[in-house]
């Protein structure tokens, strides 16, 4: 998920399985952190 490649692949798998409300975060995980969003280790 760091680069977004795996999460995009996972989204495709979910969509093919019938899920329709799928969201991808632009900017990958470092983008989330840079945006000041919470991170729990």
N, C-alpha and C. Protein backbone atom coordinates (compact mmCIF):
# COMPACT_ATOMS: atom_id res chain seq x y z
N UNK A 1 0.81 -1.20 0.00
CA UNK A 1 0.00 0.00 0.00
C UNK A 1 0.85 1.26 0.00
N UNK A 2 2.12 1.14 0.22
CA UNK A 2 2.95 2.34 0.28
C UNK A 2 2.93 3.09 -1.05
N UNK A 3 2.92 2.37 -2.17
CA UNK A 3 2.91 3.03 -3.47
C UNK A 3 1.52 3.08 -4.07
N UNK A 4 0.58 2.35 -3.51
CA UNK A 4 -0.77 2.33 -4.04
C UNK A 4 -1.05 1.20 -5.01
N UNK A 5 -0.01 0.50 -5.44
CA UNK A 5 -0.21 -0.57 -6.43
C UNK A 5 -1.04 -1.71 -5.86
N UNK A 6 -0.67 -2.18 -4.67
CA UNK A 6 -1.40 -3.31 -4.08
C UNK A 6 -2.83 -2.93 -3.71
N UNK A 7 -3.01 -1.72 -3.23
CA UNK A 7 -4.37 -1.32 -2.86
C UNK A 7 -5.25 -1.20 -4.10
N UNK A 8 -4.68 -0.75 -5.22
CA UNK A 8 -5.44 -0.68 -6.47
C UNK A 8 -5.82 -2.08 -6.94
N UNK A 9 -4.89 -3.02 -6.80
CA UNK A 9 -5.18 -4.41 -7.16
C UNK A 9 -6.27 -4.98 -6.25
N UNK A 10 -6.19 -4.67 -4.96
CA UNK A 10 -7.20 -5.15 -4.02
C UNK A 10 -8.56 -4.56 -4.34
N UNK A 11 -8.59 -3.30 -4.74
CA UNK A 11 -9.86 -2.66 -5.10
C UNK A 11 -10.48 -3.36 -6.31
N UNK A 12 -9.66 -3.74 -7.26
CA UNK A 12 -10.16 -4.46 -8.43
C UNK A 12 -10.74 -5.81 -8.04
N UNK A 13 -10.05 -6.52 -7.16
CA UNK A 13 -10.55 -7.82 -6.69
C UNK A 13 -11.90 -7.63 -5.99
N UNK A 14 -11.99 -6.63 -5.14
CA UNK A 14 -13.25 -6.37 -4.43
C UNK A 14 -14.37 -6.01 -5.41
N UNK A 15 -14.05 -5.17 -6.39
CA UNK A 15 -15.06 -4.79 -7.39
C UNK A 15 -15.54 -6.02 -8.16
N UNK A 16 -14.62 -6.88 -8.54
CA UNK A 16 -14.98 -8.11 -9.25
C UNK A 16 -15.81 -9.05 -8.39
N UNK A 17 -15.68 -8.91 -7.07
CA UNK A 17 -16.45 -9.74 -6.14
C UNK A 17 -17.83 -9.14 -5.84
N UNK A 18 -18.12 -7.99 -6.45
CA UNK A 18 -19.44 -7.41 -6.29
C UNK A 18 -19.53 -6.19 -5.39
N UNK A 19 -18.43 -5.80 -4.78
CA UNK A 19 -18.45 -4.60 -3.94
C UNK A 19 -18.51 -3.37 -4.84
N UNK A 20 -19.30 -2.38 -4.44
CA UNK A 20 -19.46 -1.20 -5.27
C UNK A 20 -19.03 0.10 -4.59
N UNK A 21 -18.95 0.13 -3.29
CA UNK A 21 -18.57 1.35 -2.57
C UNK A 21 -17.10 1.22 -2.14
N UNK A 22 -16.20 1.35 -3.11
CA UNK A 22 -14.77 1.17 -2.87
C UNK A 22 -14.09 2.53 -3.01
N UNK A 23 -13.26 2.86 -2.04
CA UNK A 23 -12.54 4.13 -2.06
C UNK A 23 -11.04 3.87 -2.05
N UNK A 24 -10.30 4.58 -2.87
CA UNK A 24 -8.84 4.52 -2.86
C UNK A 24 -8.31 5.87 -2.39
N UNK A 25 -7.37 5.84 -1.50
CA UNK A 25 -6.76 7.06 -0.98
C UNK A 25 -5.65 7.51 -1.91
N UNK A 26 -5.80 8.71 -2.47
CA UNK A 26 -4.74 9.24 -3.32
C UNK A 26 -3.58 9.70 -2.44
N UNK A 27 -2.38 9.48 -2.90
CA UNK A 27 -1.22 9.90 -2.15
C UNK A 27 -0.66 8.81 -1.26
N UNK A 28 -1.19 7.64 -1.31
CA UNK A 28 -0.75 6.46 -0.57
C UNK A 28 -0.56 6.75 0.92
N UNK A 29 0.06 5.84 1.64
CA UNK A 29 0.18 5.98 3.09
C UNK A 29 0.99 7.20 3.51
N UNK A 30 2.13 7.48 2.87
CA UNK A 30 2.85 8.69 3.24
C UNK A 30 2.01 9.96 3.04
N UNK A 31 1.16 9.95 2.04
CA UNK A 31 0.26 11.09 1.83
C UNK A 31 -0.73 11.24 2.96
N UNK A 32 -1.21 10.12 3.48
CA UNK A 32 -2.11 10.14 4.63
C UNK A 32 -1.41 10.76 5.83
N UNK A 33 -0.19 10.30 6.09
CA UNK A 33 0.58 10.84 7.21
C UNK A 33 0.86 12.33 7.02
N UNK A 34 1.26 12.72 5.83
CA UNK A 34 1.58 14.12 5.56
C UNK A 34 0.36 15.02 5.73
N UNK A 35 -0.82 14.45 5.52
CA UNK A 35 -2.06 15.21 5.69
C UNK A 35 -2.45 15.38 7.14
N UNK A 36 -1.65 14.81 8.05
CA UNK A 36 -1.93 14.96 9.47
C UNK A 36 -3.01 14.03 9.99
N UNK A 37 -3.33 12.99 9.22
CA UNK A 37 -4.36 12.04 9.64
C UNK A 37 -3.79 11.08 10.68
N UNK A 38 -4.64 10.51 11.53
CA UNK A 38 -4.14 9.65 12.60
C UNK A 38 -3.51 8.36 12.09
N UNK A 39 -2.45 7.95 12.76
CA UNK A 39 -1.76 6.71 12.46
C UNK A 39 -1.53 5.99 13.78
N UNK A 40 -1.90 4.72 13.81
CA UNK A 40 -1.71 3.92 15.01
C UNK A 40 -0.83 2.74 14.67
N UNK A 41 0.24 2.54 15.45
CA UNK A 41 1.15 1.42 15.19
C UNK A 41 0.85 0.29 16.13
